[in-house]
């Protein structure tokens, strides 16, 4: 996979970021999926927003609890992290 070129348009910039992340994930053999409005638009369902969601599959033993807690606090989503943990245990 080749690195993206920079054409200057907003959609291309978003696609460039998604492609760079995908290249990095593939280089380490990560299992991931791409979603969000840009991915939806590329599949033929245009959306007004311009976001990309890349979900990485990892196992619990691959995650540092301190790392997760740190990012949850930074992003103000500690409640969502707690709920996800509860759902995973259910």
PDB file of N, CA and C in Angstrom:
ATOM      1  N   UNK A   1       0.844  -1.165   0.000  1.00  0.00           N
ATOM      2  CA  UNK A   1       0.000   0.000   0.000  1.00  0.00           C
ATOM      3  C   UNK A   1       0.892   1.231   0.000  1.00  0.00           C
ATOM      4  N   UNK A   2       0.611   2.183  -0.861  1.00  0.00           N
ATOM      5  CA  UNK A   2       1.422   3.393  -0.971  1.00  0.00           C
ATOM      6  C   UNK A   2       0.890   4.486  -0.059  1.00  0.00           C
ATOM      7  N   UNK A   3       1.759   5.350   0.477  1.00  0.00           N
ATOM      8  CA  UNK A   3       1.302   6.481   1.274  1.00  0.00           C
ATOM      9  C   UNK A   3       0.466   7.420   0.417  1.00  0.00           C
ATOM     10  N   UNK A   4      -0.476   8.135   1.024  1.00  0.00           N
ATOM     11  CA  UNK A   4      -1.343   9.028   0.265  1.00  0.00           C
ATOM     12  C   UNK A   4      -0.610  10.257  -0.231  1.00  0.00           C
ATOM     13  N   UNK A   5      -1.158  10.864  -1.291  1.00  0.00           N
ATOM     14  CA  UNK A   5      -0.646  12.145  -1.759  1.00  0.00           C
ATOM     15  C   UNK A   5      -1.531  13.232  -1.157  1.00  0.00           C
ATOM     16  N   UNK A   6      -1.037  14.424  -1.074  1.00  0.00           N
ATOM     17  CA  UNK A   6      -1.799  15.511  -0.455  1.00  0.00           C
ATOM     18  C   UNK A   6      -2.343  16.435  -1.523  1.00  0.00           C
ATOM     19  N   UNK A   7      -3.674  16.345  -1.762  1.00  0.00           N
ATOM     20  CA  UNK A   7      -4.295  17.160  -2.794  1.00  0.00           C
ATOM     21  C   UNK A   7      -4.876  18.448  -2.252  1.00  0.00           C
ATOM     22  N   UNK A   8      -5.019  18.576  -0.916  1.00  0.00           N
ATOM     23  CA  UNK A   8      -5.499  19.812  -0.340  1.00  0.00           C
ATOM     24  C   UNK A   8      -6.987  19.859  -0.048  1.00  0.00           C
ATOM     25  N   UNK A   9      -7.801  18.968  -0.577  1.00  0.00           N
ATOM     26  CA  UNK A   9      -9.233  19.021  -0.287  1.00  0.00           C
ATOM     27  C   UNK A   9      -9.512  18.358   1.050  1.00  0.00           C
ATOM     28  N   UNK A  10     -10.617  18.760   1.693  1.00  0.00           N
ATOM     29  CA  UNK A  10     -10.950  18.237   3.018  1.00  0.00           C
ATOM     30  C   UNK A  10     -11.134  16.728   2.995  1.00  0.00           C
ATOM     31  N   UNK A  11     -11.863  16.214   2.009  1.00  0.00           N
ATOM     32  CA  UNK A  11     -12.107  14.774   1.950  1.00  0.00           C
ATOM     33  C   UNK A  11     -10.796  14.038   1.731  1.00  0.00           C
ATOM     34  N   UNK A  12      -9.963  14.526   0.858  1.00  0.00           N
ATOM     35  CA  UNK A  12      -8.674  13.872   0.631  1.00  0.00           C
ATOM     36  C   UNK A  12      -7.827  13.887   1.891  1.00  0.00           C
ATOM     37  N   UNK A  13      -7.859  14.975   2.651  1.00  0.00           N
ATOM     38  CA  UNK A  13      -7.088  15.034   3.889  1.00  0.00           C
ATOM     39  C   UNK A  13      -7.570  13.977   4.874  1.00  0.00           C
ATOM     40  N   UNK A  14      -8.888  13.820   5.009  1.00  0.00           N
ATOM     41  CA  UNK A  14      -9.447  12.813   5.901  1.00  0.00           C
ATOM     42  C   UNK A  14      -9.078  11.422   5.403  1.00  0.00           C
ATOM     43  N   UNK A  15      -9.169  11.208   4.120  1.00  0.00           N
ATOM     44  CA  UNK A  15      -8.804   9.917   3.550  1.00  0.00           C
ATOM     45  C   UNK A  15      -7.309   9.650   3.717  1.00  0.00           C
ATOM     46  N   UNK A  16      -6.494  10.696   3.583  1.00  0.00           N
ATOM     47  CA  UNK A  16      -5.046  10.544   3.788  1.00  0.00           C
ATOM     48  C   UNK A  16      -4.749  10.060   5.207  1.00  0.00           C
ATOM     49  N   UNK A  17      -5.402  10.668   6.188  1.00  0.00           N
ATOM     50  CA  UNK A  17      -5.193  10.265   7.580  1.00  0.00           C
ATOM     51  C   UNK A  17      -5.616   8.819   7.771  1.00  0.00           C
ATOM     52  N   UNK A  18      -6.788   8.464   7.261  1.00  0.00           N
ATOM     53  CA  UNK A  18      -7.282   7.084   7.399  1.00  0.00           C
ATOM     54  C   UNK A  18      -6.324   6.101   6.744  1.00  0.00           C
ATOM     55  N   UNK A  19      -5.818   6.453   5.585  1.00  0.00           N
ATOM     56  CA  UNK A  19      -4.897   5.567   4.883  1.00  0.00           C
ATOM     57  C   UNK A  19      -3.577   5.425   5.638  1.00  0.00           C
ATOM     58  N   UNK A  20      -3.058   6.518   6.179  1.00  0.00           N
ATOM     59  CA  UNK A  20      -1.823   6.445   6.960  1.00  0.00           C
ATOM     60  C   UNK A  20      -1.997   5.566   8.196  1.00  0.00           C
ATOM     61  N   UNK A  21      -3.152   5.692   8.864  1.00  0.00           N
ATOM     62  CA  UNK A  21      -3.414   4.843  10.033  1.00  0.00           C
ATOM     63  C   UNK A  21      -3.524   3.387   9.596  1.00  0.00           C
ATOM     64  N   UNK A  22      -4.229   3.139   8.488  1.00  0.00           N
ATOM     65  CA  UNK A  22      -4.375   1.767   7.985  1.00  0.00           C
ATOM     66  C   UNK A  22      -3.014   1.169   7.627  1.00  0.00           C
ATOM     67  N   UNK A  23      -2.156   1.950   7.011  1.00  0.00           N
ATOM     68  CA  UNK A  23      -0.816   1.473   6.657  1.00  0.00           C
ATOM     69  C   UNK A  23      -0.047   1.092   7.921  1.00  0.00           C
ATOM     70  N   UNK A  24      -0.130   1.937   8.949  1.00  0.00           N
ATOM     71  CA  UNK A  24       0.569   1.649  10.205  1.00  0.00           C
ATOM     72  C   UNK A  24       0.019   0.384  10.853  1.00  0.00           C
ATOM     73  N   UNK A  25      -1.313   0.248  10.873  1.00  0.00           N
ATOM     74  CA  UNK A  25      -1.922  -0.932  11.483  1.00  0.00           C
ATOM     75  C   UNK A  25      -1.557  -2.201  10.718  1.00  0.00           C
ATOM     76  N   UNK A  26      -1.601  -2.132   9.394  1.00  0.00           N
ATOM     77  CA  UNK A  26      -1.247  -3.307   8.595  1.00  0.00           C
ATOM     78  C   UNK A  26       0.224  -3.672   8.746  1.00  0.00           C
ATOM     79  N   UNK A  27       1.082  -2.668   8.941  1.00  0.00           N
ATOM     80  CA  UNK A  27       2.519  -2.949   9.057  1.00  0.00           C
ATOM     81  C   UNK A  27       2.849  -3.773  10.298  1.00  0.00           C
ATOM     82  N   UNK A  28       1.976  -3.729  11.301  1.00  0.00           N
ATOM     83  CA  UNK A  28       2.206  -4.523  12.513  1.00  0.00           C
ATOM     84  C   UNK A  28       1.246  -5.709  12.599  1.00  0.00           C
ATOM     85  N   UNK A  29       0.513  -5.958  11.514  1.00  0.00           N
ATOM     86  CA  UNK A  29      -0.379  -7.107  11.462  1.00  0.00           C
ATOM     87  C   UNK A  29      -1.627  -6.973  12.312  1.00  0.00           C
ATOM     88  N   UNK A  30      -2.059  -5.735  12.571  1.00  0.00           N
ATOM     89  CA  UNK A  30      -3.232  -5.503  13.416  1.00  0.00           C
ATOM     90  C   UNK A  30      -4.522  -5.841  12.669  1.00  0.00           C
ATOM     91  N   UNK A  31      -5.498  -6.286  13.434  1.00  0.00           N
ATOM     92  CA  UNK A  31      -6.839  -6.577  12.924  1.00  0.00           C
ATOM     93  C   UNK A  31      -7.703  -5.346  13.179  1.00  0.00           C
ATOM     94  N   UNK A  32      -8.238  -4.718  12.135  1.00  0.00           N
ATOM     95  CA  UNK A  32      -8.994  -3.485  12.299  1.00  0.00           C
ATOM     96  C   UNK A  32     -10.117  -3.395  11.270  1.00  0.00           C
ATOM     97  N   UNK A  33     -11.027  -2.451  11.506  1.00  0.00           N
ATOM     98  CA  UNK A  33     -12.113  -2.178  10.575  1.00  0.00           C
ATOM     99  C   UNK A  33     -12.280  -0.658  10.488  1.00  0.00           C
ATOM    100  N   UNK A  34     -12.679  -0.177   9.325  1.00  0.00           N
ATOM    101  CA  UNK A  34     -12.865   1.254   9.108  1.00  0.00           C
ATOM    102  C   UNK A  34     -14.353   1.539   8.958  1.00  0.00           C
ATOM    103  N   UNK A  35     -14.821   2.575   9.631  1.00  0.00           N
ATOM    104  CA  UNK A  35     -16.221   2.987   9.542  1.00  0.00           C
ATOM    105  C   UNK A  35     -16.306   4.498   9.533  1.00  0.00           C
ATOM    106  N   UNK A  36     -17.450   5.029   9.878  1.00  0.00           N
ATOM    107  CA  UNK A  36     -17.657   6.472   9.894  1.00  0.00           C
ATOM    108  C   UNK A  36     -18.311   6.957   8.615  1.00  0.00           C
ATOM    109  N   UNK A  37     -18.584   8.250   8.564  1.00  0.00           N
ATOM    110  CA  UNK A  37     -19.331   8.798   7.437  1.00  0.00           C
ATOM    111  C   UNK A  37     -18.571   8.751   6.118  1.00  0.00           C
ATOM    112  N   UNK A  38     -17.250   8.936   6.157  1.00  0.00           N
ATOM    113  CA  UNK A  38     -16.483   8.877   4.906  1.00  0.00           C
ATOM    114  C   UNK A  38     -16.516   7.459   4.346  1.00  0.00           C
ATOM    115  N   UNK A  39     -16.343   6.464   5.203  1.00  0.00           N
ATOM    116  CA  UNK A  39     -16.419   5.071   4.744  1.00  0.00           C
ATOM    117  C   UNK A  39     -17.806   4.774   4.187  1.00  0.00           C
ATOM    118  N   UNK A  40     -18.835   5.276   4.854  1.00  0.00           N
ATOM    119  CA  UNK A  40     -20.210   5.085   4.387  1.00  0.00           C
ATOM    120  C   UNK A  40     -20.403   5.722   3.008  1.00  0.00           C
ATOM    121  N   UNK A  41     -19.880   6.924   2.842  1.00  0.00           N
ATOM    122  CA  UNK A  41     -20.002   7.613   1.555  1.00  0.00           C
ATOM    123  C   UNK A  41     -19.290   6.856   0.440  1.00  0.00           C
ATOM    124  N   UNK A  42     -18.129   6.284   0.767  1.00  0.00           N
ATOM    125  CA  UNK A  42     -17.386   5.508  -0.234  1.00  0.00           C
ATOM    126  C   UNK A  42     -18.149   4.253  -0.646  1.00  0.00           C
ATOM    127  N   UNK A  43     -19.021   3.761   0.230  1.00  0.00           N
ATOM    128  CA  UNK A  43     -19.839   2.582  -0.082  1.00  0.00           C
ATOM    129  C   UNK A  43     -21.152   2.969  -0.756  1.00  0.00           C
ATOM    130  N   UNK A  44     -21.358   4.266  -1.037  1.00  0.00           N
ATOM    131  CA  UNK A  44     -22.527   4.695  -1.798  1.00  0.00           C
ATOM    132  C   UNK A  44     -23.650   5.308  -0.987  1.00  0.00           C
ATOM    133  N   UNK A  45     -23.429   5.555   0.302  1.00  0.00           N
ATOM    134  CA  UNK A  45     -24.449   6.170   1.156  1.00  0.00           C
ATOM    135  C   UNK A  45     -23.907   7.509   1.654  1.00  0.00           C
ATOM    136  N   UNK A  46     -24.056   8.592   0.853  1.00  0.00           N
ATOM    137  CA  UNK A  46     -23.473   9.895   1.210  1.00  0.00           C
ATOM    138  C   UNK A  46     -23.958  10.401   2.567  1.00  0.00           C
ATOM    139  N   UNK A  47     -23.060  11.037   3.308  1.00  0.00           N
ATOM    140  CA  UNK A  47     -23.378  11.604   4.615  1.00  0.00           C
ATOM    141  C   UNK A  47     -22.900  13.048   4.651  1.00  0.00           C
ATOM    142  N   UNK A  48     -23.516  13.857   5.487  1.00  0.00           N
ATOM    143  CA  UNK A  48     -23.167  15.270   5.596  1.00  0.00           C
ATOM    144  C   UNK A  48     -21.901  15.484   6.428  1.00  0.00           C
ATOM    145  N   UNK A  49     -21.579  14.567   7.318  1.00  0.00           N
ATOM    146  CA  UNK A  49     -20.388  14.724   8.150  1.00  0.00           C
ATOM    147  C   UNK A  49     -19.168  14.143   7.444  1.00  0.00           C
ATOM    148  N   UNK A  50     -18.015  14.369   8.014  1.00  0.00           N
ATOM    149  CA  UNK A  50     -16.765  13.977   7.370  1.00  0.00           C
ATOM    150  C   UNK A  50     -15.837  13.335   8.395  1.00  0.00           C
ATOM    151  N   UNK A  51     -16.255  12.167   8.955  1.00  0.00           N
ATOM    152  CA  UNK A  51     -15.453  11.519   9.978  1.00  0.00           C
ATOM    153  C   UNK A  51     -15.102  10.103   9.571  1.00  0.00           C
ATOM    154  N   UNK A  52     -14.029   9.619  10.169  1.00  0.00           N
ATOM    155  CA  UNK A  52     -13.592   8.237   9.945  1.00  0.00           C
ATOM    156  C   UNK A  52     -13.372   7.607  11.311  1.00  0.00           C
ATOM    157  N   UNK A  53     -13.865   6.392  11.464  1.00  0.00           N
ATOM    158  CA  UNK A  53     -13.679   5.635  12.691  1.00  0.00           C
ATOM    159  C   UNK A  53     -12.884   4.387  12.331  1.00  0.00           C
ATOM    160  N   UNK A  54     -11.764   4.180  12.998  1.00  0.00           N
ATOM    161  CA  UNK A  54     -10.982   2.967  12.798  1.00  0.00           C
ATOM    162  C   UNK A  54     -10.980   2.218  14.128  1.00  0.00           C
ATOM    163  N   UNK A  55     -11.489   1.002  14.104  1.00  0.00           N
ATOM    164  CA  UNK A  55     -11.594   0.195  15.308  1.00  0.00           C
ATOM    165  C   UNK A  55     -10.557  -0.909  15.249  1.00  0.00           C
ATOM    166  N   UNK A  56      -9.779  -1.006  16.299  1.00  0.00           N
ATOM    167  CA  UNK A  56      -8.696  -1.972  16.394  1.00  0.00           C
ATOM    168  C   UNK A  56      -9.106  -3.071  17.356  1.00  0.00           C
ATOM    169  N   UNK A  57      -8.914  -4.321  16.955  1.00  0.00           N
ATOM    170  CA  UNK A  57      -9.219  -5.438  17.849  1.00  0.00           C
ATOM    171  C   UNK A  57      -7.964  -5.802  18.631  1.00  0.00           C
ATOM    172  N   UNK A  58      -8.093  -5.747  19.946  1.00  0.00           N
ATOM    173  CA  UNK A  58      -7.003  -6.147  20.827  1.00  0.00           C
ATOM    174  C   UNK A  58      -7.594  -6.971  21.966  1.00  0.00           C
ATOM    175  N   UNK A  59      -6.755  -7.778  22.586  1.00  0.00           N
ATOM    176  CA  UNK A  59      -7.225  -8.542  23.741  1.00  0.00           C
ATOM    177  C   UNK A  59      -6.851  -7.793  25.010  1.00  0.00           C
ATOM    178  N   UNK A  60      -7.538  -8.118  26.085  1.00  0.00           N
ATOM    179  CA  UNK A  60      -7.300  -7.449  27.356  1.00  0.00           C
ATOM    180  C   UNK A  60      -5.861  -7.480  27.803  1.00  0.00           C
ATOM    181  N   UNK A  61      -5.157  -8.572  27.555  1.00  0.00           N
ATOM    182  CA  UNK A  61      -3.769  -8.659  28.013  1.00  0.00           C
ATOM    183  C   UNK A  61      -2.840  -7.756  27.205  1.00  0.00           C
ATOM    184  N   UNK A  62      -3.326  -7.204  26.097  1.00  0.00           N
ATOM    185  CA  UNK A  62      -2.503  -6.306  25.290  1.00  0.00           C
ATOM    186  C   UNK A  62      -2.662  -4.847  25.707  1.00  0.00           C
ATOM    187  N   UNK A  63      -3.601  -4.556  26.607  1.00  0.00           N
ATOM    188  CA  UNK A  63      -3.887  -3.182  27.000  1.00  0.00           C
ATOM    189  C   UNK A  63      -3.346  -2.868  28.381  1.00  0.00           C
ATOM    190  N   UNK A  64      -2.789  -1.701  28.524  1.00  0.00           N
ATOM    191  CA  UNK A  64      -2.355  -1.217  29.823  1.00  0.00           C
ATOM    192  C   UNK A  64      -3.522  -0.470  30.459  1.00  0.00           C
ATOM    193  N   UNK A  65      -3.892  -0.845  31.676  1.00  0.00           N
ATOM    194  CA  UNK A  65      -4.998  -0.183  32.378  1.00  0.00           C
ATOM    195  C   UNK A  65      -4.689   1.295  32.584  1.00  0.00           C
ATOM    196  N   UNK A  66      -3.458   1.625  32.927  1.00  0.00           N
ATOM    197  CA  UNK A  66      -3.078   3.021  33.122  1.00  0.00           C
ATOM    198  C   UNK A  66      -3.250   3.822  31.834  1.00  0.00           C
ATOM    199  N   UNK A  67      -2.873   3.210  30.706  1.00  0.00           N
ATOM    200  CA  UNK A  67      -3.014   3.867  29.405  1.00  0.00           C
ATOM    201  C   UNK A  67      -4.489   4.148  29.110  1.00  0.00           C
ATOM    202  N   UNK A  68      -5.339   3.145  29.318  1.00  0.00           N
ATOM    203  CA  UNK A  68      -6.774   3.336  29.080  1.00  0.00           C
ATOM    204  C   UNK A  68      -7.354   4.414  29.980  1.00  0.00           C
ATOM    205  N   UNK A  69      -7.023   4.363  31.265  1.00  0.00           N
ATOM    206  CA  UNK A  69      -7.535   5.357  32.206  1.00  0.00           C
ATOM    207  C   UNK A  69      -7.070   6.762  31.842  1.00  0.00           C
ATOM    208  N   UNK A  70      -5.815   6.877  31.434  1.00  0.00           N
ATOM    209  CA  UNK A  70      -5.270   8.177  31.056  1.00  0.00           C
ATOM    210  C   UNK A  70      -6.036   8.786  29.885  1.00  0.00           C
ATOM    211  N   UNK A  71      -6.259   7.986  28.849  1.00  0.00           N
ATOM    212  CA  UNK A  71      -6.984   8.493  27.689  1.00  0.00           C
ATOM    213  C   UNK A  71      -8.453   8.731  27.986  1.00  0.00           C
ATOM    214  N   UNK A  72      -9.049   7.901  28.814  1.00  0.00           N
ATOM    215  CA  UNK A  72     -10.456   8.105  29.193  1.00  0.00           C
ATOM    216  C   UNK A  72     -10.609   9.446  29.904  1.00  0.00           C
ATOM    217  N   UNK A  73      -9.668   9.775  30.787  1.00  0.00           N
ATOM    218  CA  UNK A  73      -9.722  11.077  31.471  1.00  0.00           C
ATOM    219  C   UNK A  73      -9.506  12.220  30.491  1.00  0.00           C
ATOM    220  N   UNK A  74      -8.517  12.089  29.616  1.00  0.00           N
ATOM    221  CA  UNK A  74      -8.234  13.152  28.635  1.00  0.00           C
ATOM    222  C   UNK A  74      -9.427  13.431  27.738  1.00  0.00           C
ATOM    223  N   UNK A  75     -10.120  12.381  27.356  1.00  0.00           N
ATOM    224  CA  UNK A  75     -11.255  12.514  26.441  1.00  0.00           C
ATOM    225  C   UNK A  75     -12.588  12.673  27.170  1.00  0.00           C
ATOM    226  N   UNK A  76     -12.544  12.702  28.489  1.00  0.00           N
ATOM    227  CA  UNK A  76     -13.746  12.850  29.320  1.00  0.00           C
ATOM    228  C   UNK A  76     -14.771  11.751  29.030  1.00  0.00           C
ATOM    229  N   UNK A  77     -14.266  10.517  28.950  1.00  0.00           N
ATOM    230  CA  UNK A  77     -15.153   9.380  28.670  1.00  0.00           C
ATOM    231  C   UNK A  77     -14.972   8.258  29.694  1.00  0.00           C
ATOM    232  N   UNK A  78     -14.613   8.617  30.921  1.00  0.00           N
ATOM    233  CA  UNK A  78     -14.420   7.588  31.935  1.00  0.00           C
ATOM    234  C   UNK A  78     -15.695   6.799  32.178  1.00  0.00           C
ATOM    235  N   UNK A  79     -16.854   7.464  32.080  1.00  0.00           N
ATOM    236  CA  UNK A  79     -18.127   6.757  32.253  1.00  0.00           C
ATOM    237  C   UNK A  79     -18.338   5.733  31.138  1.00  0.00           C
ATOM    238  N   UNK A  80     -17.946   6.081  29.913  1.00  0.00           N
ATOM    239  CA  UNK A  80     -18.096   5.148  28.792  1.00  0.00           C
ATOM    240  C   UNK A  80     -17.155   3.956  28.939  1.00  0.00           C
ATOM    241  N   UNK A  81     -15.942   4.197  29.437  1.00  0.00           N
ATOM    242  CA  UNK A  81     -15.002   3.104  29.659  1.00  0.00           C
ATOM    243  C   UNK A  81     -15.548   2.154  30.718  1.00  0.00           C
ATOM    244  N   UNK A  82     -16.093   2.703  31.787  1.00  0.00           N
ATOM    245  CA  UNK A  82     -16.672   1.862  32.839  1.00  0.00           C
ATOM    246  C   UNK A  82     -17.839   1.039  32.307  1.00  0.00           C
ATOM    247  N   UNK A  83     -18.689   1.672  31.508  1.00  0.00           N
ATOM    248  CA  UNK A  83     -19.829   0.956  30.934  1.00  0.00           C
ATOM    249  C   UNK A  83     -19.365  -0.147  29.987  1.00  0.00           C
ATOM    250  N   UNK A  84     -18.334   0.118  29.194  1.00  0.00           N
ATOM    251  CA  UNK A  84     -17.804  -0.908  28.273  1.00  0.00           C
ATOM    252  C   UNK A  84     -17.251  -2.088  29.042  1.00  0.00           C
ATOM    253  N   UNK A  85     -16.572  -1.803  30.160  1.00  0.00           N
ATOM    254  CA  UNK A  85     -16.046  -2.895  30.992  1.00  0.00           C
ATOM    255  C   UNK A  85     -17.177  -3.730  31.578  1.00  0.00           C
ATOM    256  N   UNK A  86     -18.225  -3.072  32.038  1.00  0.00           N
ATOM    257  CA  UNK A  86     -19.387  -3.793  32.582  1.00  0.00           C
ATOM    258  C   UNK A  86     -20.035  -4.660  31.504  1.00  0.00           C
ATOM    259  N   UNK A  87     -20.188  -4.097  30.303  1.00  0.00           N
ATOM    260  CA  UNK A  87     -20.776  -4.858  29.201  1.00  0.00           C
ATOM    261  C   UNK A  87     -19.921  -6.069  28.834  1.00  0.00           C
ATOM    262  N   UNK A  88     -18.598  -5.905  28.882  1.00  0.00           N
ATOM    263  CA  UNK A  88     -17.698  -6.998  28.524  1.00  0.00           C
ATOM    264  C   UNK A  88     -17.780  -8.133  29.541  1.00  0.00           C
ATOM    265  N   UNK A  89     -18.046  -7.797  30.803  1.00  0.00           N
ATOM    266  CA  UNK A  89     -18.156  -8.823  31.839  1.00  0.00           C
ATOM    267  C   UNK A  89     -19.502  -9.526  31.826  1.00  0.00           C
ATOM    268  N   UNK A  90     -20.503  -8.885  31.252  1.00  0.00           N
ATOM    269  CA  UNK A  90     -21.874  -9.456  31.252  1.00  0.00           C
ATOM    270  C   UNK A  90     -22.015 -10.633  30.316  1.00  0.00           C
TER     271      UNK A  90
END
